[in-house]
Amino acid sequence: MPNDTSNTSDDETETVGNLEKTSNSGSEYPDKNSKSVDATEDTKPDDEPETEIDHQKVRDFFQKKGAVEILAQLADGPKRFSEIDDALVVSHGTVASRLTEGAKTGLWKEYFQYPDDGGKIKLYQLNPETEDLADIAQHNNIAETTERKRQATEQHADAVSNFQDEIKTDDSET
């Protein structure tokens, strides 16, 4: 991967070192401790642009299934899709839609990281303007209650499966 800033017009991504910004992320910076990723080379990490967030769109977004839970998952740092998806009790499609919509709304950013051993990892991270919302989610234990809900849903599915297995066995004995 290139070590200096490059822009490829095919997929509209930019790369700095081992980080890449997607064109729909709305983000100019991959993380708090990394160099800024920007179309212009003048932007410095301290010059991170303020994102104007439409508060009504944010309120509407958080009414949707999985949105608050994703915010809570991202509260403790960047995560891969699979980490977020595994933690929630919603469909893969819902997680993907909410992640994309949240990035477009300016709540979080998506970017790529290129590990030294090769490959490409897409990560999602809260924008600084959203950290107050994440604090509220943490205060209300959203991540913890989401985990309990996931476990309860799994236990319920196991119980139903066991029940169905037992009645199949009973039918074969008669």
N, C-alpha and C. Protein backbone atom coordinates (compact mmCIF):
# COMPACT_ATOMS: atom_id res chain seq x y z
N MET A 1 0.84 -1.18 0.00
CA MET A 1 0.00 0.00 0.00
C MET A 1 0.88 1.24 0.00
N PRO A 2 0.43 2.31 -0.62
CA PRO A 2 1.23 3.52 -0.69
C PRO A 2 1.37 4.16 0.68
N ASN A 3 2.52 4.82 0.89
CA ASN A 3 2.76 5.48 2.16
C ASN A 3 2.39 6.95 2.12
N ASP A 4 2.22 7.53 0.94
CA ASP A 4 1.81 8.92 0.87
C ASP A 4 0.37 8.99 0.41
N THR A 5 -0.21 10.17 0.52
CA THR A 5 -1.61 10.32 0.17
C THR A 5 -1.80 10.07 -1.32
N SER A 6 -2.78 9.23 -1.63
CA SER A 6 -3.13 8.98 -3.02
C SER A 6 -4.64 8.93 -3.13
N ASN A 7 -5.14 9.28 -4.27
CA ASN A 7 -6.57 9.27 -4.49
C ASN A 7 -6.85 8.45 -5.73
N THR A 8 -7.71 7.44 -5.60
CA THR A 8 -8.09 6.64 -6.75
C THR A 8 -9.50 7.02 -7.14
N SER A 9 -9.71 7.39 -8.37
CA SER A 9 -11.01 7.88 -8.79
C SER A 9 -12.01 6.76 -8.98
N ASP A 10 -11.58 5.50 -9.12
CA ASP A 10 -12.51 4.40 -9.32
C ASP A 10 -13.46 4.22 -8.15
N ASP A 11 -12.92 4.11 -6.93
CA ASP A 11 -13.76 3.88 -5.78
C ASP A 11 -13.79 5.06 -4.82
N GLU A 12 -13.18 6.14 -5.20
CA GLU A 12 -13.16 7.36 -4.41
C GLU A 12 -12.75 7.11 -2.98
N THR A 13 -11.61 6.42 -2.80
CA THR A 13 -11.03 6.24 -1.48
C THR A 13 -9.68 6.91 -1.46
N GLU A 14 -9.23 7.26 -0.28
CA GLU A 14 -7.93 7.90 -0.12
C GLU A 14 -7.14 7.09 0.89
N THR A 15 -5.82 7.04 0.72
CA THR A 15 -4.99 6.25 1.59
C THR A 15 -3.85 7.08 2.16
N VAL A 16 -3.60 6.93 3.46
CA VAL A 16 -2.44 7.51 4.11
C VAL A 16 -1.85 6.39 4.96
N GLY A 17 -0.60 6.06 4.72
CA GLY A 17 0.02 4.98 5.47
C GLY A 17 -0.80 3.72 5.33
N ASN A 18 -1.29 3.19 6.44
CA ASN A 18 -2.10 1.98 6.37
C ASN A 18 -3.59 2.24 6.64
N LEU A 19 -4.04 3.48 6.45
CA LEU A 19 -5.43 3.83 6.65
C LEU A 19 -6.04 4.37 5.38
N GLU A 20 -7.33 4.10 5.17
CA GLU A 20 -8.02 4.56 3.98
C GLU A 20 -9.40 5.06 4.37
N LYS A 21 -9.80 6.19 3.79
CA LYS A 21 -11.12 6.78 4.04
C LYS A 21 -12.01 6.48 2.86
N THR A 22 -13.26 6.05 3.11
CA THR A 22 -14.20 5.84 2.02
C THR A 22 -14.89 7.15 1.70
N SER A 23 -15.40 7.25 0.49
CA SER A 23 -16.00 8.50 0.05
C SER A 23 -17.30 8.82 0.75
N ASN A 24 -18.02 7.82 1.27
CA ASN A 24 -19.30 8.10 1.91
C ASN A 24 -19.19 8.24 3.41
N SER A 25 -17.99 8.24 3.96
CA SER A 25 -17.86 8.30 5.41
C SER A 25 -18.11 9.69 5.96
N GLY A 26 -17.94 10.70 5.15
CA GLY A 26 -18.11 12.06 5.64
C GLY A 26 -17.01 12.44 6.61
N SER A 27 -16.00 11.63 6.73
CA SER A 27 -14.94 11.84 7.70
C SER A 27 -13.69 12.34 7.04
N GLU A 28 -12.97 13.18 7.75
CA GLU A 28 -11.70 13.67 7.26
C GLU A 28 -10.56 13.11 8.10
N TYR A 29 -10.85 12.26 9.07
CA TYR A 29 -9.82 11.79 9.99
C TYR A 29 -10.14 10.37 10.42
N PRO A 30 -9.17 9.44 10.30
CA PRO A 30 -9.44 8.05 10.61
C PRO A 30 -9.55 7.75 12.09
N ASP A 31 -8.77 8.37 12.94
CA ASP A 31 -8.93 8.20 14.38
C ASP A 31 -8.21 9.32 15.10
N LYS A 32 -8.42 9.41 16.38
CA LYS A 32 -7.90 10.52 17.15
C LYS A 32 -6.38 10.59 17.15
N ASN A 33 -5.70 9.46 17.05
CA ASN A 33 -4.26 9.42 17.17
C ASN A 33 -3.53 9.28 15.85
N SER A 34 -4.23 9.27 14.74
CA SER A 34 -3.60 9.10 13.44
C SER A 34 -3.59 10.40 12.68
N LYS A 35 -2.80 10.43 11.61
CA LYS A 35 -2.76 11.60 10.74
C LYS A 35 -4.08 11.74 10.01
N SER A 36 -4.41 12.93 9.66
CA SER A 36 -5.65 13.21 8.96
C SER A 36 -5.62 12.63 7.55
N VAL A 37 -6.77 12.13 7.12
CA VAL A 37 -6.93 11.67 5.75
C VAL A 37 -7.84 12.67 5.08
N ASP A 38 -7.34 13.38 4.07
CA ASP A 38 -8.09 14.45 3.47
C ASP A 38 -7.68 14.60 2.02
N ALA A 39 -8.57 15.12 1.20
CA ALA A 39 -8.24 15.32 -0.21
C ALA A 39 -7.17 16.38 -0.37
N THR A 40 -7.08 17.31 0.58
CA THR A 40 -6.04 18.31 0.52
C THR A 40 -4.96 17.96 1.52
N GLU A 41 -3.73 18.23 1.16
CA GLU A 41 -2.64 17.87 2.05
C GLU A 41 -2.42 18.91 3.14
N ASP A 42 -3.19 20.02 3.13
CA ASP A 42 -3.02 21.09 4.10
C ASP A 42 -3.64 20.77 5.45
N THR A 43 -4.61 19.87 5.50
CA THR A 43 -5.31 19.58 6.74
C THR A 43 -4.40 18.83 7.70
N LYS A 44 -4.35 19.30 8.93
CA LYS A 44 -3.57 18.67 9.98
C LYS A 44 -4.54 18.04 10.97
N PRO A 45 -4.10 17.07 11.79
CA PRO A 45 -5.03 16.46 12.75
C PRO A 45 -5.75 17.47 13.62
N ASP A 46 -5.10 18.57 13.98
CA ASP A 46 -5.75 19.58 14.82
C ASP A 46 -6.78 20.39 14.05
N ASP A 47 -6.75 20.30 12.72
CA ASP A 47 -7.68 21.05 11.88
C ASP A 47 -8.88 20.19 11.47
N GLU A 48 -9.25 19.20 12.29
CA GLU A 48 -10.36 18.33 11.95
C GLU A 48 -11.60 19.18 11.76
N PRO A 49 -12.29 19.01 10.64
CA PRO A 49 -13.46 19.85 10.38
C PRO A 49 -14.62 19.51 11.31
N GLU A 50 -15.36 20.52 11.68
CA GLU A 50 -16.57 20.32 12.47
C GLU A 50 -17.66 19.83 11.52
N THR A 51 -18.33 18.78 11.90
CA THR A 51 -19.43 18.26 11.10
C THR A 51 -20.72 18.83 11.67
N GLU A 52 -21.50 19.47 10.84
CA GLU A 52 -22.79 20.00 11.27
C GLU A 52 -23.79 18.85 11.26
N ILE A 53 -24.32 18.54 12.43
CA ILE A 53 -25.26 17.43 12.56
C ILE A 53 -26.67 17.98 12.63
N ASP A 54 -27.56 17.44 11.82
CA ASP A 54 -28.97 17.80 11.83
C ASP A 54 -29.63 17.04 12.99
N HIS A 55 -29.97 17.76 14.04
CA HIS A 55 -30.46 17.13 15.26
C HIS A 55 -31.78 16.39 15.06
N GLN A 56 -32.64 16.89 14.18
CA GLN A 56 -33.90 16.18 13.92
C GLN A 56 -33.62 14.86 13.21
N LYS A 57 -32.68 14.85 12.25
CA LYS A 57 -32.31 13.60 11.58
C LYS A 57 -31.72 12.61 12.58
N VAL A 58 -30.94 13.11 13.52
CA VAL A 58 -30.33 12.25 14.54
C VAL A 58 -31.43 11.64 15.41
N ARG A 59 -32.37 12.45 15.87
CA ARG A 59 -33.48 11.93 16.69
C ARG A 59 -34.27 10.88 15.91
N ASP A 60 -34.56 11.17 14.65
CA ASP A 60 -35.29 10.21 13.81
C ASP A 60 -34.48 8.92 13.62
N PHE A 61 -33.18 9.07 13.40
CA PHE A 61 -32.31 7.91 13.20
C PHE A 61 -32.33 7.01 14.43
N PHE A 62 -32.25 7.58 15.61
CA PHE A 62 -32.20 6.78 16.83
C PHE A 62 -33.53 6.14 17.20
N GLN A 63 -34.59 6.43 16.44
CA GLN A 63 -35.86 5.73 16.61
C GLN A 63 -35.85 4.39 15.88
N LYS A 64 -34.88 4.19 15.01
CA LYS A 64 -34.81 2.97 14.19
C LYS A 64 -34.16 1.83 14.94
N LYS A 65 -34.62 0.62 14.61
CA LYS A 65 -34.11 -0.59 15.24
C LYS A 65 -32.59 -0.70 15.07
N GLY A 66 -31.89 -0.92 16.17
CA GLY A 66 -30.45 -1.15 16.13
C GLY A 66 -29.58 0.09 16.19
N ALA A 67 -30.13 1.27 15.99
CA ALA A 67 -29.32 2.49 15.91
C ALA A 67 -28.66 2.82 17.25
N VAL A 68 -29.42 2.84 18.32
CA VAL A 68 -28.87 3.17 19.64
C VAL A 68 -27.86 2.10 20.06
N GLU A 69 -28.16 0.84 19.73
CA GLU A 69 -27.28 -0.25 20.09
C GLU A 69 -25.93 -0.14 19.38
N ILE A 70 -25.94 0.30 18.13
CA ILE A 70 -24.68 0.49 17.39
C ILE A 70 -23.88 1.63 18.03
N LEU A 71 -24.55 2.72 18.36
CA LEU A 71 -23.88 3.83 19.06
C LEU A 71 -23.19 3.31 20.32
N ALA A 72 -23.89 2.50 21.10
CA ALA A 72 -23.33 1.97 22.34
C ALA A 72 -22.14 1.07 22.06
N GLN A 73 -22.18 0.30 20.99
CA GLN A 73 -21.06 -0.58 20.64
C GLN A 73 -19.82 0.24 20.27
N LEU A 74 -20.04 1.36 19.60
CA LEU A 74 -18.91 2.19 19.15
C LEU A 74 -18.39 3.11 20.26
N ALA A 75 -19.09 3.17 21.38
CA ALA A 75 -18.70 4.08 22.47
C ALA A 75 -17.33 3.76 23.04
N ASP A 76 -16.92 2.50 22.98
CA ASP A 76 -15.61 2.15 23.55
C ASP A 76 -14.53 1.98 22.50
N GLY A 77 -14.76 2.50 21.30
CA GLY A 77 -13.71 2.50 20.29
C GLY A 77 -14.15 1.90 18.96
N PRO A 78 -13.27 2.00 17.96
CA PRO A 78 -13.59 1.50 16.62
C PRO A 78 -13.87 0.00 16.63
N LYS A 79 -14.79 -0.41 15.76
CA LYS A 79 -15.14 -1.82 15.65
C LYS A 79 -15.36 -2.20 14.20
N ARG A 80 -15.15 -3.48 13.91
CA ARG A 80 -15.47 -4.07 12.61
C ARG A 80 -16.98 -4.34 12.55
N PHE A 81 -17.47 -4.51 11.33
CA PHE A 81 -18.88 -4.87 11.13
C PHE A 81 -19.21 -6.13 11.91
N SER A 82 -18.36 -7.15 11.80
CA SER A 82 -18.65 -8.44 12.43
C SER A 82 -18.76 -8.32 13.95
N GLU A 83 -17.95 -7.46 14.56
CA GLU A 83 -18.02 -7.27 16.02
C GLU A 83 -19.36 -6.63 16.41
N ILE A 84 -19.79 -5.67 15.64
CA ILE A 84 -21.06 -4.99 15.91
C ILE A 84 -22.21 -5.95 15.65
N ASP A 85 -22.16 -6.63 14.52
CA ASP A 85 -23.21 -7.56 14.13
C ASP A 85 -23.39 -8.67 15.16
N ASP A 86 -22.28 -9.22 15.65
CA ASP A 86 -22.35 -10.30 16.64
C ASP A 86 -22.96 -9.85 17.96
N ALA A 87 -22.83 -8.58 18.29
CA ALA A 87 -23.31 -8.07 19.58
C ALA A 87 -24.80 -7.72 19.56
N LEU A 88 -25.39 -7.55 18.37
CA LEU A 88 -26.76 -7.09 18.28
C LEU A 88 -27.74 -8.21 17.96
N VAL A 89 -29.00 -7.99 18.29
CA VAL A 89 -30.06 -8.95 18.01
C VAL A 89 -30.95 -8.36 16.91
N VAL A 90 -30.33 -8.03 15.79
CA VAL A 90 -31.04 -7.57 14.60
C VAL A 90 -30.37 -8.25 13.40
N SER A 91 -31.01 -8.18 12.25
CA SER A 91 -30.47 -8.84 11.07
C SER A 91 -29.19 -8.17 10.58
N HIS A 92 -28.41 -8.94 9.80
CA HIS A 92 -27.19 -8.41 9.20
C HIS A 92 -27.51 -7.20 8.32
N GLY A 93 -28.61 -7.30 7.59
CA GLY A 93 -29.01 -6.20 6.72
C GLY A 93 -29.34 -4.94 7.48
N THR A 94 -29.99 -5.10 8.64
CA THR A 94 -30.31 -3.94 9.47
C THR A 94 -29.03 -3.28 9.98
N VAL A 95 -28.08 -4.10 10.43
CA VAL A 95 -26.80 -3.55 10.92
C VAL A 95 -26.10 -2.79 9.79
N ALA A 96 -26.03 -3.40 8.61
CA ALA A 96 -25.37 -2.75 7.48
C ALA A 96 -26.05 -1.43 7.12
N SER A 97 -27.38 -1.44 7.08
CA SER A 97 -28.13 -0.21 6.75
C SER A 97 -27.90 0.88 7.79
N ARG A 98 -27.95 0.52 9.08
CA ARG A 98 -27.76 1.51 10.13
C ARG A 98 -26.34 2.06 10.13
N LEU A 99 -25.35 1.21 9.88
CA LEU A 99 -23.96 1.69 9.84
C LEU A 99 -23.78 2.70 8.71
N THR A 100 -24.32 2.38 7.54
CA THR A 100 -24.21 3.29 6.39
C THR A 100 -24.96 4.58 6.65
N GLU A 101 -26.18 4.48 7.15
CA GLU A 101 -27.00 5.67 7.41
C GLU A 101 -26.38 6.53 8.51
N GLY A 102 -25.84 5.91 9.56
CA GLY A 102 -25.20 6.66 10.63
C GLY A 102 -23.97 7.41 10.15
N ALA A 103 -23.21 6.80 9.22
CA ALA A 103 -22.04 7.47 8.65
C ALA A 103 -22.48 8.66 7.80
N LYS A 104 -23.53 8.47 7.02
CA LYS A 104 -24.04 9.57 6.19
C LYS A 104 -24.63 10.70 7.03
N THR A 105 -25.17 10.36 8.19
CA THR A 105 -25.74 11.36 9.10
C THR A 105 -24.65 12.12 9.84
N GLY A 106 -23.44 11.56 9.86
CA GLY A 106 -22.32 12.22 10.53
C GLY A 106 -22.08 11.75 11.95
N LEU A 107 -22.74 10.66 12.35
CA LEU A 107 -22.58 10.15 13.71
C LEU A 107 -21.29 9.39 13.90
N TRP A 108 -20.89 8.64 12.89
CA TRP A 108 -19.64 7.90 12.92
C TRP A 108 -19.05 7.89 11.55
N LYS A 109 -17.80 7.44 11.49
CA LYS A 109 -17.10 7.38 10.22
C LYS A 109 -16.72 5.93 9.95
N GLU A 110 -16.50 5.63 8.71
CA GLU A 110 -16.00 4.32 8.33
C GLU A 110 -14.68 4.53 7.60
N TYR A 111 -13.74 3.68 7.88
CA TYR A 111 -12.44 3.78 7.23
C TYR A 111 -11.80 2.40 7.15
N PHE A 112 -10.77 2.29 6.35
CA PHE A 112 -10.07 1.02 6.18
C PHE A 112 -8.71 1.09 6.84
N GLN A 113 -8.32 -0.03 7.40
CA GLN A 113 -7.00 -0.17 7.98
C GLN A 113 -6.34 -1.36 7.29
N TYR A 114 -5.06 -1.22 6.98
CA TYR A 114 -4.31 -2.27 6.31
C TYR A 114 -3.28 -2.83 7.28
N PRO A 115 -3.57 -3.99 7.88
CA PRO A 115 -2.62 -4.59 8.82
C PRO A 115 -1.30 -4.91 8.12
N ASP A 116 -0.22 -4.96 8.90
CA ASP A 116 1.09 -5.27 8.34
C ASP A 116 1.12 -6.63 7.67
N ASP A 117 0.30 -7.58 8.14
CA ASP A 117 0.29 -8.91 7.55
C ASP A 117 -0.59 -9.02 6.31
N GLY A 118 -1.08 -7.89 5.82
CA GLY A 118 -1.89 -7.87 4.60
C GLY A 118 -3.37 -7.80 4.92
N GLY A 119 -4.15 -7.66 3.90
CA GLY A 119 -5.59 -7.58 4.05
C GLY A 119 -6.07 -6.15 4.20
N LYS A 120 -7.36 -6.04 4.43
CA LYS A 120 -8.01 -4.74 4.51
C LYS A 120 -9.14 -4.88 5.52
N ILE A 121 -9.15 -4.05 6.53
CA ILE A 121 -10.17 -4.11 7.58
C ILE A 121 -10.96 -2.81 7.57
N LYS A 122 -12.29 -2.95 7.43
CA LYS A 122 -13.16 -1.77 7.49
C LYS A 122 -13.59 -1.58 8.94
N LEU A 123 -13.38 -0.38 9.45
CA LEU A 123 -13.72 -0.06 10.83
C LEU A 123 -14.71 1.09 10.88
N TYR A 124 -15.48 1.10 11.95
CA TYR A 124 -16.43 2.18 12.22
C TYR A 124 -16.03 2.82 13.54
N GLN A 125 -16.09 4.17 13.59
CA GLN A 125 -15.68 4.90 14.78
C GLN A 125 -16.55 6.13 14.95
N LEU A 126 -16.90 6.45 16.19
CA LEU A 126 -17.69 7.63 16.47
C LEU A 126 -16.95 8.89 16.06
N ASN A 127 -17.68 9.87 15.57
CA ASN A 127 -17.13 11.20 15.35
C ASN A 127 -17.10 11.92 16.69
N PRO A 128 -16.18 12.83 16.88
CA PRO A 128 -16.09 13.55 18.16
C PRO A 128 -17.41 14.21 18.58
N GLU A 129 -18.18 14.70 17.61
CA GLU A 129 -19.45 15.37 17.93
C GLU A 129 -20.48 14.41 18.53
N THR A 130 -20.26 13.13 18.40
CA THR A 130 -21.22 12.12 18.84
C THR A 130 -20.87 11.54 20.20
N GLU A 131 -19.72 11.88 20.73
CA GLU A 131 -19.26 11.26 21.97
C GLU A 131 -20.19 11.56 23.15
N ASP A 132 -20.84 12.73 23.17
CA ASP A 132 -21.79 13.03 24.24
C ASP A 132 -22.98 12.07 24.19
N LEU A 133 -23.43 11.74 22.97
CA LEU A 133 -24.53 10.77 22.83
C LEU A 133 -24.09 9.39 23.30
N ALA A 134 -22.85 9.03 23.00
CA ALA A 134 -22.31 7.74 23.43
C ALA A 134 -22.23 7.68 24.96
N ASP A 135 -21.88 8.80 25.59
CA ASP A 135 -21.85 8.85 27.05
C ASP A 135 -23.23 8.59 27.64
N ILE A 136 -24.26 9.13 27.01
CA ILE A 136 -25.63 8.90 27.47
C ILE A 136 -25.99 7.42 27.32
N ALA A 137 -25.60 6.83 26.20
CA ALA A 137 -25.86 5.39 25.98
C ALA A 137 -25.14 4.55 27.03
N GLN A 138 -23.91 4.92 27.35
CA GLN A 138 -23.17 4.18 28.38
C GLN A 138 -23.80 4.37 29.74
N HIS A 139 -24.22 5.57 30.06
CA HIS A 139 -24.87 5.86 31.35
C HIS A 139 -26.13 5.01 31.52
N ASN A 140 -26.82 4.75 30.41
CA ASN A 140 -28.06 3.97 30.44
C ASN A 140 -27.81 2.47 30.21
N ASN A 141 -26.54 2.07 30.21
CA ASN A 141 -26.17 0.66 30.10
C ASN A 141 -26.71 -0.02 28.84
N ILE A 142 -26.74 0.69 27.73
CA ILE A 142 -27.28 0.13 26.50
C ILE A 142 -26.47 -1.09 26.04
N ALA A 143 -25.15 -1.02 26.07
CA ALA A 143 -24.34 -2.15 25.62
C ALA A 143 -24.57 -3.38 26.50
N GLU A 144 -24.66 -3.18 27.81
CA GLU A 144 -24.86 -4.29 28.73
C GLU A 144 -26.24 -4.92 28.54
N THR A 145 -27.27 -4.09 28.43
CA THR A 145 -28.61 -4.64 28.24
C THR A 145 -28.76 -5.29 26.87
N THR A 146 -28.04 -4.78 25.88
CA THR A 146 -28.05 -5.41 24.56
C THR A 146 -27.42 -6.80 24.63
N GLU A 147 -26.34 -6.92 25.38
CA GLU A 147 -25.69 -8.23 25.55
C GLU A 147 -26.62 -9.20 26.27
N ARG A 148 -27.31 -8.74 27.31
CA ARG A 148 -28.26 -9.61 28.02
C ARG A 148 -29.40 -10.03 27.09
N LYS A 149 -29.85 -9.10 26.26
CA LYS A 149 -30.92 -9.42 25.30
C LYS A 149 -30.43 -10.46 24.29
N ARG A 150 -29.19 -10.30 23.82
CA ARG A 150 -28.63 -11.27 22.87
C ARG A 150 -28.54 -12.65 23.51
N GLN A 151 -28.07 -12.71 24.75
CA GLN A 151 -27.97 -13.98 25.46
C GLN A 151 -29.34 -14.60 25.69
N ALA A 152 -30.32 -13.80 26.09
CA ALA A 152 -31.67 -14.30 26.33
C ALA A 152 -32.28 -14.82 25.04
N THR A 153 -32.06 -14.12 23.95
CA THR A 153 -32.58 -14.56 22.65
C THR A 153 -31.95 -15.90 22.26
N GLU A 154 -30.66 -16.03 22.49
CA GLU A 154 -29.96 -17.28 22.19
C GLU A 154 -30.48 -18.42 23.07
N GLN A 155 -30.66 -18.16 24.36
CA GLN A 155 -31.18 -19.18 25.28
C GLN A 155 -32.60 -19.58 24.89
N HIS A 156 -33.40 -18.60 24.49
CA HIS A 156 -34.77 -18.89 24.07
C HIS A 156 -34.77 -19.77 22.82
N ALA A 157 -33.93 -19.46 21.86
CA ALA A 157 -33.84 -20.26 20.63
C ALA A 157 -33.40 -21.69 20.96
N ASP A 158 -32.45 -21.83 21.88
CA ASP A 158 -32.01 -23.17 22.30
C ASP A 158 -33.15 -23.93 22.98
N ALA A 159 -33.91 -23.26 23.85
CA ALA A 159 -35.02 -23.90 24.55
C ALA A 159 -36.09 -24.36 23.56
N VAL A 160 -36.42 -23.52 22.59
CA VAL A 160 -37.41 -23.90 21.59
C VAL A 160 -36.91 -25.08 20.77
N SER A 161 -35.65 -25.05 20.39
CA SER A 161 -35.06 -26.16 19.63
C SER A 161 -35.09 -27.46 20.43
N ASN A 162 -34.74 -27.38 21.72
CA ASN A 162 -34.78 -28.56 22.58
C ASN A 162 -36.20 -29.10 22.69
N PHE A 163 -37.16 -28.21 22.85
CA PHE A 163 -38.57 -28.61 22.91
C PHE A 163 -38.96 -29.34 21.63
N GLN A 164 -38.61 -28.75 20.49
CA GLN A 164 -38.97 -29.36 19.21
C GLN A 164 -38.30 -30.72 19.03
N ASP A 165 -37.05 -30.84 19.48
CA ASP A 165 -36.36 -32.13 19.42
C ASP A 165 -37.05 -33.17 20.30
N GLU A 166 -37.49 -32.76 21.50
CA GLU A 166 -38.15 -33.68 22.41
C GLU A 166 -39.49 -34.15 21.88
N ILE A 167 -40.26 -33.27 21.27
CA ILE A 167 -41.56 -33.73 20.77
C ILE A 167 -41.40 -34.59 19.52
N LYS A 168 -40.33 -34.42 18.78
CA LYS A 168 -40.05 -35.30 17.64
C LYS A 168 -39.74 -36.70 18.16
N THR A 169 -38.97 -36.77 19.24
CA THR A 169 -38.61 -38.04 19.85
C THR A 169 -39.85 -38.72 20.39
N ASP A 170 -40.73 -37.95 21.05
CA ASP A 170 -41.98 -38.51 21.58
C ASP A 170 -42.86 -39.06 20.48
N ASP A 171 -42.93 -38.39 19.34
CA ASP A 171 -43.74 -38.85 18.21
C ASP A 171 -43.21 -40.17 17.67
N SER A 172 -41.92 -40.34 17.63
CA SER A 172 -41.35 -41.56 17.06
C SER A 172 -41.52 -42.76 18.00
N GLU A 173 -41.75 -42.51 19.30
CA GLU A 173 -41.92 -43.58 20.27
C GLU A 173 -43.34 -44.13 20.28
N THR A 174 -44.32 -43.42 19.75
CA THR A 174 -45.72 -43.87 19.79
C THR A 174 -46.10 -44.68 18.64
